[in-house]
Amino acid sequence: MSQREYWFARRHPLKDRRQAIAPIHWKGYLVSLIFVSALTGGAVAFAWLGANDDMFEGIIVFAIVCLLAGVWFTMTAKLNGDPIRTVEDYKKDKQQRV
């Protein structure tokens, strides 16, 4: 059985209540880049529509883009995140292999 490839890892140990995550694989960084690009695109659409006197439509477009991008990012990170090991664990493991 092969070891699962995780894209994200916890930033804090299991004992900590915080549940922040960070990318640890190039696919995780790509997911983060797509998320930020989607938010930037939504902001550009909001600014463009607002400048053309369609402020309400701009707000709606931005809100929908933020909602969809946020749900997609959260689900992708949850499905491809390591629930046990932290970023520091992966850094230590990487140093030991070199």
C-alpha atoms as a PDB file:
ATOM      1  CA  MET A   1       0.000   0.000   0.000  1.00  0.00           C
ATOM      2  CA  SER A   2       1.451   3.370  -0.986  1.00  0.00           C
ATOM      3  CA  GLN A   3       1.734   6.333   1.330  1.00  0.00           C
ATOM      4  CA  ARG A   4      -0.793   9.071   0.669  1.00  0.00           C
ATOM      5  CA  GLU A   5       0.488  12.310  -0.856  1.00  0.00           C
ATOM      6  CA  TYR A   6      -0.651  15.292   1.205  1.00  0.00           C
ATOM      7  CA  TRP A   7      -0.758  18.814  -0.215  1.00  0.00           C
ATOM      8  CA  PHE A   8      -1.344  20.659   3.077  1.00  0.00           C
ATOM      9  CA  ALA A   9      -0.320  20.161   6.696  1.00  0.00           C
ATOM     10  CA  ARG A  10      -1.306  21.578  10.058  1.00  0.00           C
ATOM     11  CA  ARG A  11       0.558  24.643  11.271  1.00  0.00           C
ATOM     12  CA  HIS A  12       0.046  23.796  14.955  1.00  0.00           C
ATOM     13  CA  PRO A  13       0.231  20.500  16.915  1.00  0.00           C
ATOM     14  CA  LEU A  14      -2.898  18.451  17.591  1.00  0.00           C
ATOM     15  CA  LYS A  15      -3.104  19.729  21.182  1.00  0.00           C
ATOM     16  CA  ASP A  16      -3.566  23.283  19.918  1.00  0.00           C
ATOM     17  CA  ARG A  17      -7.121  24.487  19.228  1.00  0.00           C
ATOM     18  CA  ARG A  18      -6.039  26.431  16.151  1.00  0.00           C
ATOM     19  CA  GLN A  19      -6.496  24.567  12.896  1.00  0.00           C
ATOM     20  CA  ALA A  20      -4.501  26.660  10.431  1.00  0.00           C
ATOM     21  CA  ILE A  21      -3.002  24.852   7.452  1.00  0.00           C
ATOM     22  CA  ALA A  22      -0.133  25.559   5.072  1.00  0.00           C
ATOM     23  CA  PRO A  23       0.854  24.108   1.696  1.00  0.00           C
ATOM     24  CA  ILE A  24       3.685  21.568   1.755  1.00  0.00           C
ATOM     25  CA  HIS A  25       3.529  20.265  -1.824  1.00  0.00           C
ATOM     26  CA  TRP A  26       3.613  22.036  -5.183  1.00  0.00           C
ATOM     27  CA  LYS A  27      -0.038  21.081  -5.695  1.00  0.00           C
ATOM     28  CA  GLY A  28      -0.927  22.841  -2.437  1.00  0.00           C
ATOM     29  CA  TYR A  29       0.893  25.964  -3.585  1.00  0.00           C
ATOM     30  CA  LEU A  30      -0.964  25.780  -6.912  1.00  0.00           C
ATOM     31  CA  VAL A  31      -4.319  25.504  -5.128  1.00  0.00           C
ATOM     32  CA  SER A  32      -3.406  28.550  -3.027  1.00  0.00           C
ATOM     33  CA  LEU A  33      -2.376  30.491  -6.141  1.00  0.00           C
ATOM     34  CA  ILE A  34      -5.655  29.640  -7.896  1.00  0.00           C
ATOM     35  CA  PHE A  35      -7.593  30.766  -4.820  1.00  0.00           C
ATOM     36  CA  VAL A  36      -5.780  34.110  -4.650  1.00  0.00           C
ATOM     37  CA  SER A  37      -6.178  34.563  -8.424  1.00  0.00           C
ATOM     38  CA  ALA A  38      -9.922  33.944  -8.176  1.00  0.00           C
ATOM     39  CA  LEU A  39     -10.255  36.544  -5.416  1.00  0.00           C
ATOM     40  CA  THR A  40      -8.191  39.002  -7.455  1.00  0.00           C
ATOM     41  CA  GLY A  41     -10.373  38.364 -10.507  1.00  0.00           C
ATOM     42  CA  GLY A  42     -13.489  38.961  -8.427  1.00  0.00           C
ATOM     43  CA  ALA A  43     -12.024  42.219  -7.130  1.00  0.00           C
ATOM     44  CA  VAL A  44     -11.175  43.354 -10.666  1.00  0.00           C
ATOM     45  CA  ALA A  45     -14.717  42.528 -11.812  1.00  0.00           C
ATOM     46  CA  PHE A  46     -16.096  44.468  -8.843  1.00  0.00           C
ATOM     47  CA  ALA A  47     -13.912  47.492  -9.646  1.00  0.00           C
ATOM     48  CA  TRP A  48     -14.747  47.380 -13.365  1.00  0.00           C
ATOM     49  CA  LEU A  49     -18.482  47.033 -12.789  1.00  0.00           C
ATOM     50  CA  GLY A  50     -18.379  49.709 -10.090  1.00  0.00           C
ATOM     51  CA  ALA A  51     -16.589  52.111 -12.431  1.00  0.00           C
ATOM     52  CA  ASN A  52     -19.317  51.521 -15.034  1.00  0.00           C
ATOM     53  CA  ASP A  53     -22.135  52.425 -12.618  1.00  0.00           C
ATOM     54  CA  ASP A  54     -23.069  48.804 -11.940  1.00  0.00           C
ATOM     55  CA  MET A  55     -21.998  48.753  -8.289  1.00  0.00           C
ATOM     56  CA  PHE A  56     -24.700  46.308  -7.163  1.00  0.00           C
ATOM     57  CA  GLU A  57     -23.785  43.793  -9.874  1.00  0.00           C
ATOM     58  CA  GLY A  58     -20.122  44.190  -8.917  1.00  0.00           C
ATOM     59  CA  ILE A  59     -20.917  43.414  -5.296  1.00  0.00           C
ATOM     60  CA  ILE A  60     -22.916  40.337  -6.308  1.00  0.00           C
ATOM     61  CA  VAL A  61     -20.170  39.054  -8.633  1.00  0.00           C
ATOM     62  CA  PHE A  62     -17.480  39.586  -5.992  1.00  0.00           C
ATOM     63  CA  ALA A  63     -19.550  37.883  -3.287  1.00  0.00           C
ATOM     64  CA  ILE A  64     -20.286  34.862  -5.496  1.00  0.00           C
ATOM     65  CA  VAL A  65     -16.641  34.519  -6.559  1.00  0.00           C
ATOM     66  CA  CYS A  66     -15.484  34.768  -2.924  1.00  0.00           C
ATOM     67  CA  LEU A  67     -18.028  32.201  -1.772  1.00  0.00           C
ATOM     68  CA  LEU A  68     -17.233  29.675  -4.505  1.00  0.00           C
ATOM     69  CA  ALA A  69     -13.463  30.133  -4.221  1.00  0.00           C
ATOM     70  CA  GLY A  70     -13.612  29.865  -0.431  1.00  0.00           C
ATOM     71  CA  VAL A  71     -15.676  26.685  -0.468  1.00  0.00           C
ATOM     72  CA  TRP A  72     -13.456  25.140  -3.159  1.00  0.00           C
ATOM     73  CA  PHE A  73     -10.245  26.024  -1.294  1.00  0.00           C
ATOM     74  CA  THR A  74     -11.559  24.796   2.048  1.00  0.00           C
ATOM     75  CA  MET A  75     -12.799  21.492   0.622  1.00  0.00           C
ATOM     76  CA  THR A  76      -9.590  20.906  -1.343  1.00  0.00           C
ATOM     77  CA  ALA A  77      -7.442  21.642   1.702  1.00  0.00           C
ATOM     78  CA  LYS A  78      -9.562  19.381   3.942  1.00  0.00           C
ATOM     79  CA  LEU A  79      -9.515  16.495   1.468  1.00  0.00           C
ATOM     80  CA  ASN A  80      -5.771  16.757   0.760  1.00  0.00           C
ATOM     81  CA  GLY A  81      -4.511  17.880   4.161  1.00  0.00           C
ATOM     82  CA  ASP A  82      -2.596  15.819   6.692  1.00  0.00           C
ATOM     83  CA  PRO A  83      -4.711  15.802   9.869  1.00  0.00           C
ATOM     84  CA  ILE A  84      -1.850  14.614  12.112  1.00  0.00           C
ATOM     85  CA  ARG A  85       1.572  15.902  11.038  1.00  0.00           C
ATOM     86  CA  THR A  86       2.599  19.561  11.080  1.00  0.00           C
ATOM     87  CA  VAL A  87       4.607  21.656   8.649  1.00  0.00           C
ATOM     88  CA  GLU A  88       7.588  21.367  11.013  1.00  0.00           C
ATOM     89  CA  ASP A  89       7.348  17.562  10.875  1.00  0.00           C
ATOM     90  CA  TYR A  90       7.587  17.696   7.091  1.00  0.00           C
ATOM     91  CA  LYS A  91      10.557  20.095   7.254  1.00  0.00           C
ATOM     92  CA  LYS A  92      12.400  17.752   9.660  1.00  0.00           C
ATOM     93  CA  ASP A  93      11.623  14.754   7.449  1.00  0.00           C
ATOM     94  CA  LYS A  94      12.879  16.576   4.366  1.00  0.00           C
ATOM     95  CA  GLN A  95      16.157  17.530   6.097  1.00  0.00           C
ATOM     96  CA  GLN A  96      16.730  13.924   7.186  1.00  0.00           C
ATOM     97  CA  ARG A  97      16.348  12.665   3.624  1.00  0.00           C
ATOM     98  CA  VAL A  98      18.969  15.076   2.260  1.00  0.00           C
END
